[in-house]
Amino acid sequence: QVQLVESGGGFVPAGGSLRLSCEASGLTFGTYTMAWFRQTPGKSREYVATISWDSANTFTPPSVRDRFTISRDNAKNTVYLQMKNVKFEDTAVYSCAADPTSSLLASIPTEASSWGQGMQVVVSS
């Protein structure tokens, strides 16, 4: 079965940078659309970046645009989220997601066929 394992989370000072990684197995990674989502207590899950199978298309919402960059290395079955100039409101549990269709490229994606377990990112003062 599909397994997504995130790494790189933790504490980061406000204004700092952090790179999250998600390694996938059990799927033909190069044919899957990938995405990063985040969630805080009491709020709905929010997408923060998506990337097409060939990296030709990437999308980020206005809340993180120009600060977060998604990329992937199909040879390593890994998708990355580079976060820079982080803000307190970026504190959340971040999860990666995979889907064999283009549904994650929708204007506001909400669902995916596979999810990682998530990891905490805390922006500190």
PDB file of N, CA and C in Angstrom:
ATOM      1  N   GLN A   1       0.828  -1.185   0.000  1.00  0.00           N
ATOM      2  CA  GLN A   1       0.000   0.000   0.000  1.00  0.00           C
ATOM      3  C   GLN A   1       0.877   1.255   0.000  1.00  0.00           C
ATOM      4  N   VAL A   2       0.239   2.373  -0.314  1.00  0.00           N
ATOM      5  CA  VAL A   2       0.954   3.637  -0.364  1.00  0.00           C
ATOM      6  C   VAL A   2       1.337   4.071   1.039  1.00  0.00           C
ATOM      7  N   GLN A   3       2.586   4.479   1.186  1.00  0.00           N
ATOM      8  CA  GLN A   3       3.057   4.988   2.455  1.00  0.00           C
ATOM      9  C   GLN A   3       3.767   6.307   2.210  1.00  0.00           C
ATOM     10  N   LEU A   4       3.419   7.303   3.005  1.00  0.00           N
ATOM     11  CA  LEU A   4       4.034   8.622   2.920  1.00  0.00           C
ATOM     12  C   LEU A   4       4.627   8.949   4.272  1.00  0.00           C
ATOM     13  N   VAL A   5       5.928   9.242   4.296  1.00  0.00           N
ATOM     14  CA  VAL A   5       6.619   9.500   5.553  1.00  0.00           C
ATOM     15  C   VAL A   5       7.234  10.891   5.508  1.00  0.00           C
ATOM     16  N   GLU A   6       6.730  11.757   6.376  1.00  0.00           N
ATOM     17  CA  GLU A   6       7.224  13.133   6.437  1.00  0.00           C
ATOM     18  C   GLU A   6       8.409  13.246   7.404  1.00  0.00           C
ATOM     19  N   SER A   7       9.249  14.223   7.128  1.00  0.00           N
ATOM     20  CA  SER A   7      10.360  14.528   8.024  1.00  0.00           C
ATOM     21  C   SER A   7      10.719  15.999   7.874  1.00  0.00           C
ATOM     22  N   GLY A   8      11.462  16.491   8.850  1.00  0.00           N
ATOM     23  CA  GLY A   8      11.946  17.863   8.781  1.00  0.00           C
ATOM     24  C   GLY A   8      11.177  18.862   9.614  1.00  0.00           C
ATOM     25  N   GLY A   9      10.129  18.420  10.255  1.00  0.00           N
ATOM     26  CA  GLY A   9       9.359  19.336  11.091  1.00  0.00           C
ATOM     27  C   GLY A   9      10.090  19.667  12.383  1.00  0.00           C
ATOM     28  N   GLY A  10       9.483  20.535  13.180  1.00  0.00           N
ATOM     29  CA  GLY A  10      10.077  20.909  14.457  1.00  0.00           C
ATOM     30  C   GLY A  10       9.876  22.379  14.732  1.00  0.00           C
ATOM     31  N   PHE A  11      10.803  22.943  15.489  1.00  0.00           N
ATOM     32  CA  PHE A  11      10.732  24.344  15.869  1.00  0.00           C
ATOM     33  C   PHE A  11      11.567  25.184  14.904  1.00  0.00           C
ATOM     34  N   VAL A  12      11.026  26.333  14.566  1.00  0.00           N
ATOM     35  CA  VAL A  12      11.730  27.262  13.693  1.00  0.00           C
ATOM     36  C   VAL A  12      11.413  28.676  14.185  1.00  0.00           C
ATOM     37  N   PRO A  13      12.411  29.557  14.260  1.00  0.00           N
ATOM     38  CA  PRO A  13      12.127  30.921  14.714  1.00  0.00           C
ATOM     39  C   PRO A  13      11.368  31.706  13.653  1.00  0.00           C
ATOM     40  N   ALA A  14      10.539  32.620  14.110  1.00  0.00           N
ATOM     41  CA  ALA A  14       9.819  33.475  13.172  1.00  0.00           C
ATOM     42  C   ALA A  14      10.818  34.175  12.254  1.00  0.00           C
ATOM     43  N   GLY A  15      10.506  34.187  10.978  1.00  0.00           N
ATOM     44  CA  GLY A  15      11.400  34.749   9.981  1.00  0.00           C
ATOM     45  C   GLY A  15      12.414  33.774   9.444  1.00  0.00           C
ATOM     46  N   GLY A  16      12.469  32.598  10.034  1.00  0.00           N
ATOM     47  CA  GLY A  16      13.440  31.595   9.610  1.00  0.00           C
ATOM     48  C   GLY A  16      12.928  30.726   8.481  1.00  0.00           C
ATOM     49  N   SER A  17      13.705  29.673   8.208  1.00  0.00           N
ATOM     50  CA  SER A  17      13.395  28.762   7.104  1.00  0.00           C
ATOM     51  C   SER A  17      13.395  27.316   7.592  1.00  0.00           C
ATOM     52  N   LEU A  18      12.653  26.506   6.866  1.00  0.00           N
ATOM     53  CA  LEU A  18      12.561  25.086   7.204  1.00  0.00           C
ATOM     54  C   LEU A  18      12.221  24.340   5.933  1.00  0.00           C
ATOM     55  N   ARG A  19      12.775  23.149   5.760  1.00  0.00           N
ATOM     56  CA  ARG A  19      12.418  22.326   4.609  1.00  0.00           C
ATOM     57  C   ARG A  19      11.821  21.020   5.087  1.00  0.00           C
ATOM     58  N   LEU A  20      10.626  20.768   4.646  1.00  0.00           N
ATOM     59  CA  LEU A  20       9.947  19.519   4.940  1.00  0.00           C
ATOM     60  C   LEU A  20      10.143  18.547   3.788  1.00  0.00           C
ATOM     61  N   SER A  21      10.230  17.278   4.123  1.00  0.00           N
ATOM     62  CA  SER A  21      10.365  16.231   3.116  1.00  0.00           C
ATOM     63  C   SER A  21       9.289  15.177   3.320  1.00  0.00           C
ATOM     64  N   CYS A  22       8.921  14.541   2.237  1.00  0.00           N
ATOM     65  CA  CYS A  22       7.945  13.447   2.305  1.00  0.00           C
ATOM     66  C   CYS A  22       8.388  12.384   1.308  1.00  0.00           C
ATOM     67  N   GLU A  23       8.769  11.250   1.849  1.00  0.00           N
ATOM     68  CA  GLU A  23       9.200  10.136   0.993  1.00  0.00           C
ATOM     69  C   GLU A  23       8.055   9.161   0.818  1.00  0.00           C
ATOM     70  N   ALA A  24       7.816   8.806  -0.423  1.00  0.00           N
ATOM     71  CA  ALA A  24       6.693   7.928  -0.750  1.00  0.00           C
ATOM     72  C   ALA A  24       7.169   6.544  -1.145  1.00  0.00           C
ATOM     73  N   SER A  25       6.356   5.551  -0.850  1.00  0.00           N
ATOM     74  CA  SER A  25       6.619   4.188  -1.286  1.00  0.00           C
ATOM     75  C   SER A  25       5.286   3.511  -1.583  1.00  0.00           C
ATOM     76  N   GLY A  26       5.364   2.415  -2.316  1.00  0.00           N
ATOM     77  CA  GLY A  26       4.150   1.679  -2.638  1.00  0.00           C
ATOM     78  C   GLY A  26       3.331   2.266  -3.767  1.00  0.00           C
ATOM     79  N   LEU A  27       3.934   3.147  -4.540  1.00  0.00           N
ATOM     80  CA  LEU A  27       3.225   3.772  -5.660  1.00  0.00           C
ATOM     81  C   LEU A  27       4.224   4.112  -6.751  1.00  0.00           C
ATOM     82  N   THR A  28       3.709   4.346  -7.937  1.00  0.00           N
ATOM     83  CA  THR A  28       4.556   4.837  -9.030  1.00  0.00           C
ATOM     84  C   THR A  28       4.610   6.349  -8.883  1.00  0.00           C
ATOM     85  N   PHE A  29       5.586   6.793  -8.103  1.00  0.00           N
ATOM     86  CA  PHE A  29       5.620   8.178  -7.638  1.00  0.00           C
ATOM     87  C   PHE A  29       5.524   9.165  -8.791  1.00  0.00           C
ATOM     88  N   GLY A  30       6.215   8.894  -9.867  1.00  0.00           N
ATOM     89  CA  GLY A  30       6.279   9.842 -10.980  1.00  0.00           C
ATOM     90  C   GLY A  30       4.967  10.055 -11.697  1.00  0.00           C
ATOM     91  N   THR A  31       3.937   9.313 -11.349  1.00  0.00           N
ATOM     92  CA  THR A  31       2.631   9.499 -11.975  1.00  0.00           C
ATOM     93  C   THR A  31       1.618  10.133 -11.030  1.00  0.00           C
ATOM     94  N   TYR A  32       2.043  10.452  -9.819  1.00  0.00           N
ATOM     95  CA  TYR A  32       1.135  10.979  -8.812  1.00  0.00           C
ATOM     96  C   TYR A  32       1.285  12.491  -8.651  1.00  0.00           C
ATOM     97  N   THR A  33       0.179  13.154  -8.470  1.00  0.00           N
ATOM     98  CA  THR A  33       0.180  14.535  -8.026  1.00  0.00           C
ATOM     99  C   THR A  33       0.413  14.532  -6.521  1.00  0.00           C
ATOM    100  N   MET A  34       1.216  15.471  -6.050  1.00  0.00           N
ATOM    101  CA  MET A  34       1.554  15.538  -4.634  1.00  0.00           C
ATOM    102  C   MET A  34       1.169  16.896  -4.061  1.00  0.00           C
ATOM    103  N   ALA A  35       0.968  16.910  -2.767  1.00  0.00           N
ATOM    104  CA  ALA A  35       0.567  18.167  -2.132  1.00  0.00           C
ATOM    105  C   ALA A  35       0.978  18.169  -0.667  1.00  0.00           C
ATOM    106  N   TRP A  36       1.036  19.360  -0.120  1.00  0.00           N
ATOM    107  CA  TRP A  36       1.208  19.563   1.314  1.00  0.00           C
ATOM    108  C   TRP A  36      -0.043  20.267   1.836  1.00  0.00           C
ATOM    109  N   PHE A  37      -0.488  19.803   3.005  1.00  0.00           N
ATOM    110  CA  PHE A  37      -1.603  20.409   3.712  1.00  0.00           C
ATOM    111  C   PHE A  37      -1.157  20.735   5.123  1.00  0.00           C
ATOM    112  N   ARG A  38      -1.922  21.545   5.799  1.00  0.00           N
ATOM    113  CA  ARG A  38      -1.662  21.814   7.207  1.00  0.00           C
ATOM    114  C   ARG A  38      -2.992  21.971   7.936  1.00  0.00           C
ATOM    115  N   GLN A  39      -2.907  21.749   9.236  1.00  0.00           N
ATOM    116  CA  GLN A  39      -4.112  21.863  10.051  1.00  0.00           C
ATOM    117  C   GLN A  39      -3.743  22.304  11.455  1.00  0.00           C
ATOM    118  N   THR A  40      -4.544  23.211  12.002  1.00  0.00           N
ATOM    119  CA  THR A  40      -4.411  23.631  13.381  1.00  0.00           C
ATOM    120  C   THR A  40      -5.696  23.261  14.115  1.00  0.00           C
ATOM    121  N   PRO A  41      -5.617  23.125  15.434  1.00  0.00           N
ATOM    122  CA  PRO A  41      -6.804  22.730  16.201  1.00  0.00           C
ATOM    123  C   PRO A  41      -7.986  23.667  15.962  1.00  0.00           C
ATOM    124  N   GLY A  42      -9.123  23.089  15.705  1.00  0.00           N
ATOM    125  CA  GLY A  42     -10.333  23.874  15.525  1.00  0.00           C
ATOM    126  C   GLY A  42     -10.523  24.444  14.138  1.00  0.00           C
ATOM    127  N   LYS A  43      -9.565  24.182  13.250  1.00  0.00           N
ATOM    128  CA  LYS A  43      -9.676  24.698  11.875  1.00  0.00           C
ATOM    129  C   LYS A  43      -9.689  23.554  10.883  1.00  0.00           C
ATOM    130  N   SER A  44     -10.240  23.829   9.726  1.00  0.00           N
ATOM    131  CA  SER A  44     -10.241  22.835   8.658  1.00  0.00           C
ATOM    132  C   SER A  44      -8.839  22.681   8.079  1.00  0.00           C
ATOM    133  N   ARG A  45      -8.618  21.525   7.516  1.00  0.00           N
ATOM    134  CA  ARG A  45      -7.343  21.295   6.850  1.00  0.00           C
ATOM    135  C   ARG A  45      -7.218  22.245   5.653  1.00  0.00           C
ATOM    136  N   GLU A  46      -6.027  22.778   5.466  1.00  0.00           N
ATOM    137  CA  GLU A  46      -5.779  23.789   4.441  1.00  0.00           C
ATOM    138  C   GLU A  46      -4.642  23.319   3.552  1.00  0.00           C
ATOM    139  N   TYR A  47      -4.838  23.438   2.248  1.00  0.00           N
ATOM    140  CA  TYR A  47      -3.733  23.073   1.382  1.00  0.00           C
ATOM    141  C   TYR A  47      -2.749  24.233   1.344  1.00  0.00           C
ATOM    142  N   VAL A  48      -1.472  23.898   1.261  1.00  0.00           N
ATOM    143  CA  VAL A  48      -0.454  24.948   1.191  1.00  0.00           C
ATOM    144  C   VAL A  48       0.382  24.871  -0.082  1.00  0.00           C
ATOM    145  N   ALA A  49       0.362  23.728  -0.769  1.00  0.00           N
ATOM    146  CA  ALA A  49       1.097  23.639  -2.030  1.00  0.00           C
ATOM    147  C   ALA A  49       0.763  22.337  -2.740  1.00  0.00           C
ATOM    148  N   THR A  50       0.689  22.404  -4.042  1.00  0.00           N
ATOM    149  CA  THR A  50       0.495  21.205  -4.845  1.00  0.00           C
ATOM    150  C   THR A  50       1.454  21.231  -6.024  1.00  0.00           C
ATOM    151  N   ILE A  51       1.756  20.043  -6.526  1.00  0.00           N
ATOM    152  CA  ILE A  51       2.682  19.942  -7.650  1.00  0.00           C
ATOM    153  C   ILE A  51       2.253  18.789  -8.535  1.00  0.00           C
ATOM    154  N   SER A  52       2.300  19.021  -9.832  1.00  0.00           N
ATOM    155  CA  SER A  52       1.925  17.975 -10.773  1.00  0.00           C
ATOM    156  C   SER A  52       3.014  16.917 -10.861  1.00  0.00           C
ATOM    157  N   TRP A  53       2.708  15.817 -11.508  1.00  0.00           N
ATOM    158  CA  TRP A  53       3.632  14.684 -11.558  1.00  0.00           C
ATOM    159  C   TRP A  53       4.956  15.045 -12.194  1.00  0.00           C
ATOM    160  N   ASP A  54       4.928  15.993 -13.142  1.00  0.00           N
ATOM    161  CA  ASP A  54       6.143  16.334 -13.872  1.00  0.00           C
ATOM    162  C   ASP A  54       6.742  17.658 -13.424  1.00  0.00           C
ATOM    163  N   SER A  55       6.240  18.214 -12.309  1.00  0.00           N
ATOM    164  CA  SER A  55       6.699  19.503 -11.760  1.00  0.00           C
ATOM    165  C   SER A  55       6.363  20.689 -12.651  1.00  0.00           C
ATOM    166  N   ALA A  56       5.616  20.463 -13.711  1.00  0.00           N
ATOM    167  CA  ALA A  56       5.293  21.552 -14.631  1.00  0.00           C
ATOM    168  C   ALA A  56       4.327  22.554 -14.023  1.00  0.00           C
ATOM    169  N   ASN A  57       3.512  22.098 -13.104  1.00  0.00           N
ATOM    170  CA  ASN A  57       2.509  22.967 -12.479  1.00  0.00           C
ATOM    171  C   ASN A  57       2.614  22.889 -10.964  1.00  0.00           C
ATOM    172  N   THR A  58       2.712  24.050 -10.349  1.00  0.00           N
ATOM    173  CA  THR A  58       2.688  24.141  -8.894  1.00  0.00           C
ATOM    174  C   THR A  58       1.706  25.241  -8.500  1.00  0.00           C
ATOM    175  N   PHE A  59       1.080  25.042  -7.360  1.00  0.00           N
ATOM    176  CA  PHE A  59       0.099  26.015  -6.882  1.00  0.00           C
ATOM    177  C   PHE A  59       0.277  26.206  -5.391  1.00  0.00           C
ATOM    178  N   THR A  60       0.136  27.447  -4.966  1.00  0.00           N
ATOM    179  CA  THR A  60       0.143  27.774  -3.548  1.00  0.00           C
ATOM    180  C   THR A  60      -0.939  28.815  -3.297  1.00  0.00           C
ATOM    181  N   PRO A  61      -1.581  28.777  -2.146  1.00  0.00           N
ATOM    182  CA  PRO A  61      -2.601  29.777  -1.843  1.00  0.00           C
ATOM    183  C   PRO A  61      -1.954  31.107  -1.476  1.00  0.00           C
ATOM    184  N   PRO A  62      -2.710  32.193  -1.527  1.00  0.00           N
ATOM    185  CA  PRO A  62      -2.146  33.511  -1.203  1.00  0.00           C
ATOM    186  C   PRO A  62      -1.481  33.588   0.160  1.00  0.00           C
ATOM    187  N   SER A  63      -1.962  32.802   1.121  1.00  0.00           N
ATOM    188  CA  SER A  63      -1.428  32.883   2.485  1.00  0.00           C
ATOM    189  C   SER A  63       0.047  32.506   2.575  1.00  0.00           C
ATOM    190  N   VAL A  64       0.534  31.713   1.639  1.00  0.00           N
ATOM    191  CA  VAL A  64       1.935  31.277   1.706  1.00  0.00           C
ATOM    192  C   VAL A  64       2.699  31.581   0.424  1.00  0.00           C
ATOM    193  N   ARG A  65       2.008  32.162  -0.532  1.00  0.00           N
ATOM    194  CA  ARG A  65       2.668  32.429  -1.813  1.00  0.00           C
ATOM    195  C   ARG A  65       3.870  33.332  -1.597  1.00  0.00           C
ATOM    196  N   ASP A  66       4.932  33.063  -2.331  1.00  0.00           N
ATOM    197  CA  ASP A  66       6.198  33.800  -2.247  1.00  0.00           C
ATOM    198  C   ASP A  66       6.988  33.444  -1.002  1.00  0.00           C
ATOM    199  N   ARG A  67       6.453  32.593  -0.136  1.00  0.00           N
ATOM    200  CA  ARG A  67       7.206  32.135   1.035  1.00  0.00           C
ATOM    201  C   ARG A  67       7.423  30.627   1.011  1.00  0.00           C
ATOM    202  N   PHE A  68       6.467  29.872   0.484  1.00  0.00           N
ATOM    203  CA  PHE A  68       6.561  28.418   0.436  1.00  0.00           C
ATOM    204  C   PHE A  68       6.763  27.967  -1.009  1.00  0.00           C
ATOM    205  N   THR A  69       7.631  26.991  -1.184  1.00  0.00           N
ATOM    206  CA  THR A  69       7.883  26.437  -2.512  1.00  0.00           C
ATOM    207  C   THR A  69       7.839  24.914  -2.439  1.00  0.00           C
ATOM    208  N   ILE A  70       7.069  24.330  -3.310  1.00  0.00           N
ATOM    209  CA  ILE A  70       6.999  22.868  -3.384  1.00  0.00           C
ATOM    210  C   ILE A  70       7.854  22.388  -4.551  1.00  0.00           C
ATOM    211  N   SER A  71       8.507  21.274  -4.346  1.00  0.00           N
ATOM    212  CA  SER A  71       9.303  20.668  -5.412  1.00  0.00           C
ATOM    213  C   SER A  71       9.297  19.162  -5.202  1.00  0.00           C
ATOM    214  N   ARG A  72       9.785  18.442  -6.184  1.00  0.00           N
ATOM    215  CA  ARG A  72       9.817  16.996  -6.068  1.00  0.00           C
ATOM    216  C   ARG A  72      11.023  16.439  -6.806  1.00  0.00           C
ATOM    217  N   ASP A  73      11.443  15.289  -6.361  1.00  0.00           N
ATOM    218  CA  ASP A  73      12.516  14.551  -7.019  1.00  0.00           C
ATOM    219  C   ASP A  73      11.964  13.163  -7.291  1.00  0.00           C
ATOM    220  N   ASN A  74      11.558  12.927  -8.515  1.00  0.00           N
ATOM    221  CA  ASN A  74      10.931  11.644  -8.834  1.00  0.00           C
ATOM    222  C   ASN A  74      11.913  10.481  -8.733  1.00  0.00           C
ATOM    223  N   ALA A  75      13.176  10.753  -8.876  1.00  0.00           N
ATOM    224  CA  ALA A  75      14.179   9.686  -8.739  1.00  0.00           C
ATOM    225  C   ALA A  75      14.301   9.237  -7.288  1.00  0.00           C
ATOM    226  N   LYS A  76      13.946  10.122  -6.358  1.00  0.00           N
ATOM    227  CA  LYS A  76      14.032   9.795  -4.929  1.00  0.00           C
ATOM    228  C   LYS A  76      12.665   9.554  -4.295  1.00  0.00           C
ATOM    229  N   ASN A  77      11.619   9.591  -5.114  1.00  0.00           N
ATOM    230  CA  ASN A  77      10.254   9.407  -4.586  1.00  0.00           C
ATOM    231  C   ASN A  77       9.960  10.372  -3.443  1.00  0.00           C
ATOM    232  N   THR A  78      10.407  11.592  -3.579  1.00  0.00           N
ATOM    233  CA  THR A  78      10.306  12.546  -2.479  1.00  0.00           C
ATOM    234  C   THR A  78       9.756  13.879  -2.963  1.00  0.00           C
ATOM    235  N   VAL A  79       8.893  14.449  -2.145  1.00  0.00           N
ATOM    236  CA  VAL A  79       8.390  15.795  -2.383  1.00  0.00           C
ATOM    237  C   VAL A  79       8.833  16.669  -1.214  1.00  0.00           C
ATOM    238  N   TYR A  80       9.131  17.920  -1.517  1.00  0.00           N
ATOM    239  CA  TYR A  80       9.667  18.837  -0.523  1.00  0.00           C
ATOM    240  C   TYR A  80       8.754  20.055  -0.395  1.00  0.00           C
ATOM    241  N   LEU A  81       8.836  20.675   0.771  1.00  0.00           N
ATOM    242  CA  LEU A  81       8.205  21.973   0.983  1.00  0.00           C
ATOM    243  C   LEU A  81       9.239  22.880   1.619  1.00  0.00           C
ATOM    244  N   GLN A  82       9.720  23.838   0.859  1.00  0.00           N
ATOM    245  CA  GLN A  82      10.659  24.817   1.380  1.00  0.00           C
ATOM    246  C   GLN A  82       9.862  25.984   1.943  1.00  0.00           C
ATOM    247  N   MET A  83      10.037  26.240   3.228  1.00  0.00           N
ATOM    248  CA  MET A  83       9.340  27.320   3.907  1.00  0.00           C
ATOM    249  C   MET A  83      10.356  28.393   4.271  1.00  0.00           C
ATOM    250  N   LYS A  84      10.080  29.623   3.938  1.00  0.00           N
ATOM    251  CA  LYS A  84      10.964  30.706   4.310  1.00  0.00           C
ATOM    252  C   LYS A  84      10.146  31.847   4.870  1.00  0.00           C
ATOM    253  N   ASN A  85      10.841  32.707   5.623  1.00  0.00           N
ATOM    254  CA  ASN A  85      10.164  33.832   6.267  1.00  0.00           C
ATOM    255  C   ASN A  85       8.887  33.366   6.982  1.00  0.00           C
ATOM    256  N   VAL A  86       9.049  32.320   7.779  1.00  0.00           N
ATOM    257  CA  VAL A  86       7.873  31.738   8.423  1.00  0.00           C
ATOM    258  C   VAL A  86       7.268  32.701   9.435  1.00  0.00           C
ATOM    259  N   LYS A  87       5.963  32.561   9.622  1.00  0.00           N
ATOM    260  CA  LYS A  87       5.218  33.408  10.526  1.00  0.00           C
ATOM    261  C   LYS A  87       4.570  32.557  11.616  1.00  0.00           C
ATOM    262  N   PHE A  88       4.169  33.194  12.688  1.00  0.00           N
ATOM    263  CA  PHE A  88       3.540  32.457  13.783  1.00  0.00           C
ATOM    264  C   PHE A  88       2.325  31.673  13.294  1.00  0.00           C
ATOM    265  N   GLU A  89       1.600  32.238  12.357  1.00  0.00           N
ATOM    266  CA  GLU A  89       0.403  31.562  11.863  1.00  0.00           C
ATOM    267  C   GLU A  89       0.701  30.353  10.996  1.00  0.00           C
ATOM    268  N   ASP A  90       1.982  30.106  10.710  1.00  0.00           N
ATOM    269  CA  ASP A  90       2.363  28.888   9.983  1.00  0.00           C
ATOM    270  C   ASP A  90       2.458  27.680  10.914  1.00  0.00           C
ATOM    271  N   THR A  91       2.364  27.912  12.219  1.00  0.00           N
ATOM    272  CA  THR A  91       2.380  26.804  13.171  1.00  0.00           C
ATOM    273  C   THR A  91       1.194  25.885  12.902  1.00  0.00           C
ATOM    274  N   ALA A  92       1.472  24.609  12.681  1.00  0.00           N
ATOM    275  CA  ALA A  92       0.418  23.652  12.332  1.00  0.00           C
ATOM    276  C   ALA A  92       1.010  22.254  12.226  1.00  0.00           C
ATOM    277  N   VAL A  93       0.135  21.287  12.072  1.00  0.00           N
ATOM    278  CA  VAL A  93       0.562  19.941  11.694  1.00  0.00           C
ATOM    279  C   VAL A  93       0.537  19.885  10.170  1.00  0.00           C
ATOM    280  N   TYR A  94       1.674  19.549   9.600  1.00  0.00           N
ATOM    281  CA  TYR A  94       1.821  19.503   8.142  1.00  0.00           C
ATOM    282  C   TYR A  94       1.804  18.049   7.680  1.00  0.00           C
ATOM    283  N   SER A  95       1.038  17.801   6.631  1.00  0.00           N
ATOM    284  CA  SER A  95       0.923  16.460   6.073  1.00  0.00           C
ATOM    285  C   SER A  95       1.126  16.504   4.571  1.00  0.00           C
ATOM    286  N   CYS A  96       1.726  15.474   4.040  1.00  0.00           N
ATOM    287  CA  CYS A  96       1.792  15.388   2.587  1.00  0.00           C
ATOM    288  C   CYS A  96       0.690  14.453   2.098  1.00  0.00           C
ATOM    289  N   ALA A  97       0.335  14.618   0.855  1.00  0.00           N
ATOM    290  CA  ALA A  97      -0.753  13.856   0.269  1.00  0.00           C
ATOM    291  C   ALA A  97      -0.395  13.479  -1.157  1.00  0.00           C
ATOM    292  N   ALA A  98      -0.958  12.376  -1.599  1.00  0.00           N
ATOM    293  CA  ALA A  98      -0.704  11.884  -2.953  1.00  0.00           C
ATOM    294  C   ALA A  98      -2.009  11.450  -3.591  1.00  0.00           C
ATOM    295  N   ASP A  99      -2.094  11.668  -4.886  1.00  0.00           N
ATOM    296  CA  ASP A  99      -3.285  11.231  -5.612  1.00  0.00           C
ATOM    297  C   ASP A  99      -2.907  10.906  -7.055  1.00  0.00           C
ATOM    298  N   PRO A 100      -3.435   9.817  -7.576  1.00  0.00           N
ATOM    299  CA  PRO A 100      -3.100   9.439  -8.951  1.00  0.00           C
ATOM    300  C   PRO A 100      -3.829  10.257 -10.006  1.00  0.00           C
ATOM    301  N   THR A 101      -4.803  11.062  -9.577  1.00  0.00           N
ATOM    302  CA  THR A 101      -5.524  11.902 -10.528  1.00  0.00           C
ATOM    303  C   THR A 101      -5.012  13.332 -10.408  1.00  0.00           C
ATOM    304  N   SER A 102      -5.634  14.217 -11.138  1.00  0.00           N
ATOM    305  CA  SER A 102      -5.244  15.627 -11.082  1.00  0.00           C
ATOM    306  C   SER A 102      -6.092  16.408 -10.080  1.00  0.00           C
ATOM    307  N   SER A 103      -6.813  15.701  -9.212  1.00  0.00           N
ATOM    308  CA  SER A 103      -7.720  16.385  -8.282  1.00  0.00           C
ATOM    309  C   SER A 103      -6.997  17.343  -7.349  1.00  0.00           C
ATOM    310  N   LEU A 104      -5.749  17.046  -7.028  1.00  0.00           N
ATOM    311  CA  LEU A 104      -5.003  17.941  -6.139  1.00  0.00           C
ATOM    312  C   LEU A 104      -4.632  19.248  -6.837  1.00  0.00           C
ATOM    313  N   LEU A 105      -4.822  19.306  -8.134  1.00  0.00           N
ATOM    314  CA  LEU A 105      -4.534  20.534  -8.867  1.00  0.00           C
ATOM    315  C   LEU A 105      -5.768  21.430  -8.981  1.00  0.00           C
ATOM    316  N   ALA A 106      -6.843  21.025  -8.322  1.00  0.00           N
ATOM    317  CA  ALA A 106      -8.043  21.865  -8.308  1.00  0.00           C
ATOM    318  C   ALA A 106      -7.730  23.184  -7.608  1.00  0.00           C
ATOM    319  N   SER A 107      -8.618  24.150  -7.763  1.00  0.00           N
ATOM    320  CA  SER A 107      -8.355  25.477  -7.208  1.00  0.00           C
ATOM    321  C   SER A 107      -8.178  25.442  -5.692  1.00  0.00           C
ATOM    322  N   ILE A 108      -8.998  24.647  -5.025  1.00  0.00           N
ATOM    323  CA  ILE A 108      -8.852  24.478  -3.581  1.00  0.00           C
ATOM    324  C   ILE A 108      -8.991  22.988  -3.278  1.00  0.00           C
ATOM    325  N   PRO A 109      -7.900  22.237  -3.398  1.00  0.00           N
ATOM    326  CA  PRO A 109      -7.988  20.799  -3.143  1.00  0.00           C
ATOM    327  C   PRO A 109      -8.253  20.511  -1.676  1.00  0.00           C
ATOM    328  N   THR A 110      -9.018  19.465  -1.431  1.00  0.00           N
ATOM    329  CA  THR A 110      -9.344  19.104  -0.051  1.00  0.00           C
ATOM    330  C   THR A 110      -9.147  17.623   0.239  1.00  0.00           C
ATOM    331  N   GLU A 111      -9.137  16.793  -0.780  1.00  0.00           N
ATOM    332  CA  GLU A 111      -9.056  15.362  -0.563  1.00  0.00           C
ATOM    333  C   GLU A 111      -7.932  14.755  -1.386  1.00  0.00           C
ATOM    334  N   ALA A 112      -7.472  13.611  -0.937  1.00  0.00           N
ATOM    335  CA  ALA A 112      -6.435  12.876  -1.650  1.00  0.00           C
ATOM    336  C   ALA A 112      -6.603  11.402  -1.337  1.00  0.00           C
ATOM    337  N   SER A 113      -6.028  10.572  -2.176  1.00  0.00           N
ATOM    338  CA  SER A 113      -6.178   9.134  -1.974  1.00  0.00           C
ATOM    339  C   SER A 113      -5.284   8.614  -0.850  1.00  0.00           C
ATOM    340  N   SER A 114      -4.170   9.289  -0.597  1.00  0.00           N
ATOM    341  CA  SER A 114      -3.242   8.822   0.437  1.00  0.00           C
ATOM    342  C   SER A 114      -2.696  10.011   1.219  1.00  0.00           C
ATOM    343  N   TRP A 115      -2.483   9.770   2.505  1.00  0.00           N
ATOM    344  CA  TRP A 115      -1.997  10.823   3.396  1.00  0.00           C
ATOM    345  C   TRP A 115      -0.857  10.326   4.255  1.00  0.00           C
ATOM    346  N   GLY A 116       0.057  11.230   4.556  1.00  0.00           N
ATOM    347  CA  GLY A 116       1.047  10.951   5.564  1.00  0.00           C
ATOM    348  C   GLY A 116       0.445  11.151   6.941  1.00  0.00           C
ATOM    349  N   GLN A 117       1.173  10.763   7.972  1.00  0.00           N
ATOM    350  CA  GLN A 117       0.620  10.866   9.320  1.00  0.00           C
ATOM    351  C   GLN A 117       0.704  12.272   9.888  1.00  0.00           C
ATOM    352  N   GLY A 118       1.511  13.108   9.279  1.00  0.00           N
ATOM    353  CA  GLY A 118       1.602  14.491   9.718  1.00  0.00           C
ATOM    354  C   GLY A 118       2.720  14.717  10.716  1.00  0.00           C
ATOM    355  N   MET A 119       3.210  15.942  10.756  1.00  0.00           N
ATOM    356  CA  MET A 119       4.236  16.307  11.721  1.00  0.00           C
ATOM    357  C   MET A 119       4.050  17.769  12.111  1.00  0.00           C
ATOM    358  N   GLN A 120       4.470  18.072  13.332  1.00  0.00           N
ATOM    359  CA  GLN A 120       4.273  19.407  13.875  1.00  0.00           C
ATOM    360  C   GLN A 120       5.372  20.354  13.413  1.00  0.00           C
ATOM    361  N   VAL A 121       4.947  21.542  13.054  1.00  0.00           N
ATOM    362  CA  VAL A 121       5.853  22.661  12.816  1.00  0.00           C
ATOM    363  C   VAL A 121       5.422  23.772  13.763  1.00  0.00           C
ATOM    364  N   VAL A 122       6.372  24.246  14.567  1.00  0.00           N
ATOM    365  CA  VAL A 122       6.081  25.303  15.529  1.00  0.00           C
ATOM    366  C   VAL A 122       6.984  26.492  15.233  1.00  0.00           C
ATOM    367  N   VAL A 123       6.364  27.620  14.968  1.00  0.00           N
ATOM    368  CA  VAL A 123       7.120  28.848  14.748  1.00  0.00           C
ATOM    369  C   VAL A 123       7.204  29.573  16.077  1.00  0.00           C
ATOM    370  N   SER A 124       8.430  29.794  16.523  1.00  0.00           N
ATOM    371  CA  SER A 124       8.641  30.362  17.846  1.00  0.00           C
ATOM    372  C   SER A 124       9.200  31.779  17.746  1.00  0.00           C
ATOM    373  N   SER A 125       9.094  32.491  18.839  1.00  0.00           N
ATOM    374  CA  SER A 125       9.608  33.860  18.859  1.00  0.00           C
ATOM    375  C   SER A 125      11.087  33.885  19.182  1.00  0.00           C
TER     376      SER A 125
END
